[in-house]
Amino acid sequence: MSNQVIHRVQHVYELLQQAEVSKESIPPLTKQYPDLTIDEAYQVQLRMIDQKVQKGQKIVGKKIGLTSVAMQRLLGVDQPDYGHLLDSMEASNMGTIHLDELFQPKVEGEIAFVLNKDLTGPDVTVEDVLDATEYIAPALEIVDSRITDWNITLADTVADNASSGMFVIGDERYSVTDIDLPSIEMNLFKNGERINTGYGYDVLGHPAKCVAWLANKLTEYNVALKAGEVILSGALSAAIAAEKGDRFTAGFSHIGKVEVMFK
């Protein structure tokens, strides 16, 4: 790695850290560094996560983003991305999230996989994922960005931990052998009003395909998916902005619902 790349990765990391501490969003990283590569952005993300782990936080899972064709086209990419989930990011089902902890949150409904076996690429298949899944559960991901007005490219979101904010896992648990995952229907409600609908097939055709992609992608960084980890498999519909007083509920056919309030 050249000195120029080392400096760029370090400075981008420092910009994101400064934003987190000050709670003030920053201009796009790629405006200052137009040549910031995706690999460098992942190095920034990993440095940020390593720092948080050193300070006592715990990695509890991973999230997959940009799983829909529409979102990939929006950012001009042809593959998903991923981020890390930390124990500090989990909120309770039916609980409350304080908006002052976040920047510009949006809410998505997703299917969460909880693993009972490690998954190590590069040749993980959908069948491997299903075999390694202890259970699935309804989930909400609260995506967030330290980049002002969500003015992001792929490199911006990857460096910013794939725009991860918080997540909520529903209380109900289901075996993957009992349910046809692509056919699951999810309805996302804001303050009791249905805003949008999505299906399991909206994420790469099959939610488990997203998890397999992640396991194989992580091989490039010598990282594996671990037994016990939560894997958020991708948004089934568009993200909805959250404001003070909002209540979000995602109802899933066959696997129940999950809910959170903002104040």
Protein backbone atom coordinates (compact mmCIF):
# COMPACT_ATOMS: atom_id res chain seq x y z
CA MET A 1 0.00 0.00 0.00
CA SER A 2 1.46 3.35 -1.04
CA ASN A 3 1.97 6.20 1.39
CA GLN A 4 -0.62 8.18 -0.54
CA VAL A 5 -3.26 5.47 0.00
CA ILE A 6 -2.33 5.10 3.69
CA HIS A 7 -2.74 8.84 4.17
CA ARG A 8 -6.05 8.92 2.29
CA VAL A 9 -7.52 6.02 4.29
CA GLN A 10 -6.39 7.58 7.57
CA HIS A 11 -7.80 11.01 6.71
CA VAL A 12 -11.18 9.63 5.59
CA TYR A 13 -11.35 7.63 8.83
CA GLU A 14 -10.59 10.81 10.82
CA LEU A 15 -13.28 12.78 8.98
CA LEU A 16 -15.91 10.18 9.82
CA GLN A 17 -14.74 9.98 13.43
CA GLN A 18 -14.95 13.75 13.75
CA ALA A 19 -18.51 13.70 12.39
CA GLU A 20 -19.50 11.02 14.88
CA VAL A 21 -18.08 12.94 17.83
CA SER A 22 -19.47 16.35 16.81
CA LYS A 23 -22.78 14.93 15.52
CA GLU A 24 -22.38 17.18 12.50
CA SER A 25 -22.60 15.64 9.04
CA ILE A 26 -19.84 16.16 6.51
CA PRO A 27 -19.60 16.69 2.72
CA PRO A 28 -19.19 13.60 0.53
CA LEU A 29 -15.85 11.92 1.09
CA THR A 30 -15.54 11.40 -2.64
CA LYS A 31 -15.78 15.14 -3.24
CA GLN A 32 -12.50 15.56 -1.38
CA TYR A 33 -11.07 12.27 -2.66
CA PRO A 34 -12.67 11.52 -6.07
CA ASP A 35 -10.28 8.57 -6.56
CA LEU A 36 -11.22 6.85 -3.27
CA THR A 37 -11.56 3.19 -4.23
CA ILE A 38 -14.06 0.67 -2.85
CA ASP A 39 -11.22 -1.37 -1.38
CA GLU A 40 -9.89 1.73 0.41
CA ALA A 41 -13.40 2.49 1.65
CA TYR A 42 -13.64 -0.99 3.18
CA GLN A 43 -10.26 -0.41 4.83
CA VAL A 44 -11.72 2.74 6.41
CA GLN A 45 -14.74 0.78 7.60
CA LEU A 46 -12.62 -2.00 9.09
CA ARG A 47 -10.38 0.53 10.84
CA MET A 48 -13.43 2.19 12.36
CA ILE A 49 -14.87 -1.11 13.56
CA ASP A 50 -11.52 -2.26 14.97
CA GLN A 51 -11.31 0.98 16.96
CA LYS A 52 -14.79 0.48 18.40
CA VAL A 53 -14.01 -3.14 19.33
CA GLN A 54 -10.82 -2.02 21.09
CA LYS A 55 -12.99 0.35 23.15
CA GLY A 56 -15.23 -2.51 24.29
CA GLN A 57 -17.97 -2.79 21.69
CA LYS A 58 -18.74 -6.22 20.25
CA ILE A 59 -19.41 -7.29 16.67
CA VAL A 60 -22.76 -9.10 16.68
CA GLY A 61 -23.36 -9.42 12.96
CA LYS A 62 -23.29 -7.91 9.49
CA LYS A 63 -25.70 -6.04 7.25
CA ILE A 64 -26.04 -6.23 3.49
CA GLY A 65 -26.96 -3.16 1.49
CA LEU A 66 -27.73 -2.29 -2.13
CA THR A 67 -29.41 -5.63 -2.78
CA SER A 68 -32.09 -4.20 -5.06
CA VAL A 69 -31.48 -3.48 -8.74
CA ALA A 70 -33.04 -0.03 -8.29
CA MET A 71 -30.57 1.00 -5.55
CA GLN A 72 -27.63 -0.43 -7.49
CA ARG A 73 -28.63 1.60 -10.55
CA LEU A 74 -29.03 4.70 -8.39
CA LEU A 75 -25.42 4.47 -7.23
CA GLY A 76 -24.11 3.09 -10.51
CA VAL A 77 -22.92 -0.26 -9.13
CA ASP A 78 -23.53 -3.90 -9.96
CA GLN A 79 -23.14 -5.54 -6.55
CA PRO A 80 -24.27 -5.11 -2.94
CA ASP A 81 -22.15 -3.78 -0.11
CA TYR A 82 -21.86 -4.67 3.57
CA GLY A 83 -21.33 -3.21 7.02
CA HIS A 84 -20.83 -4.40 10.58
CA LEU A 85 -23.42 -4.59 13.34
CA LEU A 86 -22.25 -3.80 16.88
CA ASP A 87 -24.00 -4.54 20.16
CA SER A 88 -24.36 -0.79 20.72
CA MET A 89 -26.49 -0.56 17.57
CA GLU A 90 -29.29 -2.90 18.67
CA ALA A 91 -32.60 -1.47 19.88
CA SER A 92 -35.37 -3.46 21.54
CA ASN A 93 -38.47 -4.58 19.69
CA MET A 94 -41.33 -2.24 20.69
CA GLY A 95 -38.67 0.06 22.16
CA THR A 96 -37.73 3.68 21.58
CA ILE A 97 -34.82 5.24 19.70
CA HIS A 98 -33.68 8.77 20.49
CA LEU A 99 -33.18 10.79 17.33
CA ASP A 100 -30.34 12.77 18.89
CA GLU A 101 -28.26 9.59 18.71
CA LEU A 102 -28.46 9.64 14.90
CA PHE A 103 -27.96 11.97 11.93
CA GLN A 104 -30.67 11.47 9.29
CA PRO A 105 -32.21 8.03 9.92
CA LYS A 106 -34.36 6.04 7.55
CA VAL A 107 -36.16 2.77 8.26
CA GLU A 108 -36.19 -0.44 6.22
CA GLY A 109 -37.89 -3.81 6.71
CA GLU A 110 -35.63 -6.84 6.36
CA ILE A 111 -35.34 -10.56 7.09
CA ALA A 112 -32.69 -11.34 9.71
CA PHE A 113 -30.73 -14.60 9.64
CA VAL A 114 -29.11 -15.88 12.84
CA LEU A 115 -26.39 -18.45 12.21
CA ASN A 116 -25.50 -21.62 14.11
CA LYS A 117 -22.44 -22.38 11.97
CA ASP A 118 -19.59 -20.34 10.56
CA LEU A 119 -19.79 -19.50 6.86
CA THR A 120 -16.48 -19.01 5.10
CA GLY A 121 -16.20 -18.21 1.38
CA PRO A 122 -15.41 -18.21 -1.44
CA ASP A 123 -17.82 -20.97 -2.47
CA VAL A 124 -20.79 -20.55 -0.11
CA THR A 125 -24.14 -21.41 -1.71
CA VAL A 126 -27.77 -20.67 -0.82
CA GLU A 127 -28.04 -24.24 0.46
CA ASP A 128 -25.02 -23.68 2.71
CA VAL A 129 -26.67 -20.57 4.15
CA LEU A 130 -29.95 -22.35 4.84
CA ASP A 131 -28.06 -25.22 6.49
CA ALA A 132 -26.15 -22.78 8.71
CA THR A 133 -29.22 -20.77 9.79
CA GLU A 134 -30.50 -21.30 13.33
CA TYR A 135 -33.57 -19.19 12.61
CA ILE A 136 -34.91 -16.17 10.75
CA ALA A 137 -36.76 -13.26 12.32
CA PRO A 138 -38.45 -10.04 11.25
CA ALA A 139 -36.16 -7.01 11.47
CA LEU A 140 -35.95 -3.28 11.00
CA GLU A 141 -32.74 -1.62 9.97
CA ILE A 142 -32.33 2.06 10.74
CA VAL A 143 -29.89 3.24 8.11
CA ASP A 144 -28.07 6.49 8.75
CA SER A 145 -25.39 8.58 7.08
CA ARG A 146 -22.74 10.96 8.32
CA ILE A 147 -22.67 12.39 4.79
CA THR A 148 -24.84 15.50 4.44
CA ASP A 149 -28.23 14.97 2.74
CA TRP A 150 -27.40 11.35 1.85
CA ASN A 151 -25.32 12.68 -1.06
CA ILE A 152 -23.38 9.42 -1.36
CA THR A 153 -21.55 7.25 -3.84
CA LEU A 154 -20.73 3.60 -3.18
CA ALA A 155 -17.33 4.53 -1.71
CA ASP A 156 -18.97 7.04 0.65
CA THR A 157 -21.47 4.56 2.06
CA VAL A 158 -18.94 1.71 2.34
CA ALA A 159 -16.50 3.86 4.30
CA ASP A 160 -19.40 4.94 6.55
CA ASN A 161 -20.03 1.30 7.59
CA ALA A 162 -22.54 0.85 4.76
CA SER A 163 -24.67 3.64 6.24
CA SER A 164 -25.48 1.52 9.27
CA GLY A 165 -27.28 3.17 12.16
CA MET A 166 -29.23 0.78 14.38
CA PHE A 167 -31.31 -2.38 14.05
CA VAL A 168 -34.26 -4.09 15.73
CA ILE A 169 -34.97 -7.82 15.74
CA GLY A 170 -38.50 -9.12 16.28
CA ASP A 171 -39.30 -11.55 19.07
CA GLU A 172 -40.52 -14.40 16.86
CA ARG A 173 -38.16 -17.09 15.54
CA TYR A 174 -38.76 -19.37 12.55
CA SER A 175 -36.94 -22.24 10.88
CA VAL A 176 -35.98 -21.70 7.25
CA THR A 177 -37.24 -25.18 6.43
CA ASP A 178 -40.82 -24.12 7.15
CA ILE A 179 -41.03 -21.10 4.86
CA ASP A 180 -40.49 -20.21 1.21
CA LEU A 181 -38.26 -17.17 1.76
CA PRO A 182 -38.63 -15.50 -1.66
CA SER A 183 -42.43 -15.41 -1.27
CA ILE A 184 -42.46 -13.64 2.12
CA GLU A 185 -44.41 -10.38 1.88
CA MET A 186 -43.39 -7.39 4.00
CA ASN A 187 -45.56 -4.34 4.61
CA LEU A 188 -43.89 -1.29 6.18
CA PHE A 189 -46.13 1.03 8.20
CA LYS A 190 -45.38 4.54 9.47
CA ASN A 191 -47.74 5.74 12.20
CA GLY A 192 -50.25 3.07 11.20
CA GLU A 193 -50.23 3.95 7.50
CA ARG A 194 -48.85 1.42 5.05
CA ILE A 195 -46.06 3.14 3.12
CA ASN A 196 -44.68 0.35 0.96
CA THR A 197 -44.56 -3.38 0.33
CA GLY A 198 -41.75 -5.74 -0.60
CA TYR A 199 -41.07 -9.44 -1.04
CA GLY A 200 -38.24 -11.83 -0.31
CA TYR A 201 -37.45 -12.09 -4.00
CA ASP A 202 -36.69 -8.35 -4.11
CA VAL A 203 -33.22 -8.97 -2.62
CA LEU A 204 -31.17 -10.72 -5.33
CA GLY A 205 -34.09 -13.08 -5.91
CA HIS A 206 -33.67 -14.84 -2.54
CA PRO A 207 -32.64 -13.47 0.90
CA ALA A 208 -30.25 -16.38 1.46
CA LYS A 209 -28.49 -15.51 -1.80
CA CYS A 210 -27.58 -12.18 -0.20
CA VAL A 211 -26.05 -13.94 2.80
CA ALA A 212 -24.09 -16.26 0.48
CA TRP A 213 -22.81 -13.22 -1.45
CA LEU A 214 -21.66 -11.67 1.81
CA ALA A 215 -19.83 -14.78 3.01
CA ASN A 216 -18.01 -14.98 -0.31
CA LYS A 217 -17.24 -11.25 -0.46
CA LEU A 218 -15.78 -11.26 3.04
CA THR A 219 -13.18 -13.79 1.95
CA GLU A 220 -11.38 -10.89 0.22
CA TYR A 221 -10.79 -9.38 3.67
CA ASN A 222 -10.09 -12.63 5.55
CA VAL A 223 -13.38 -12.32 7.41
CA ALA A 224 -15.96 -15.07 7.96
CA LEU A 225 -19.57 -15.03 9.11
CA LYS A 226 -19.62 -16.50 12.61
CA ALA A 227 -22.07 -18.77 14.42
CA GLY A 228 -24.35 -16.63 16.55
CA GLU A 229 -24.12 -13.58 14.29
CA VAL A 230 -27.15 -11.68 13.04
CA ILE A 231 -27.15 -11.09 9.28
CA LEU A 232 -29.54 -8.47 7.92
CA SER A 233 -30.17 -9.70 4.39
CA GLY A 234 -31.23 -6.47 2.69
CA ALA A 235 -34.12 -4.03 2.49
CA LEU A 236 -37.28 -5.47 0.95
CA SER A 237 -38.53 -1.99 -0.02
CA ALA A 238 -37.50 1.65 -0.02
CA ALA A 239 -36.18 3.29 3.15
CA ILE A 240 -38.52 5.77 4.88
CA ALA A 241 -37.25 8.84 6.74
CA ALA A 242 -37.86 8.85 10.50
CA GLU A 243 -38.80 11.91 12.53
CA LYS A 244 -39.61 12.60 16.17
CA GLY A 245 -42.80 10.86 17.26
CA ASP A 246 -42.84 8.34 14.40
CA ARG A 247 -43.73 4.69 14.95
CA PHE A 248 -42.60 2.13 12.38
CA THR A 249 -43.97 -1.40 12.06
CA ALA A 250 -42.90 -4.04 9.57
CA GLY A 251 -45.35 -6.90 9.21
CA PHE A 252 -44.15 -10.06 7.45
CA SER A 253 -46.24 -12.92 6.15
CA HIS A 254 -45.34 -16.12 8.05
CA ILE A 255 -42.77 -14.56 10.41
CA GLY A 256 -44.61 -11.90 12.40
CA LYS A 257 -43.80 -8.23 12.95
CA VAL A 258 -41.29 -5.85 14.49
CA GLU A 259 -41.82 -2.29 15.71
CA VAL A 260 -39.92 0.73 17.01
CA MET A 261 -40.67 4.32 18.07
CA PHE A 262 -38.60 7.48 17.62
CA LYS A 263 -38.48 10.40 20.02
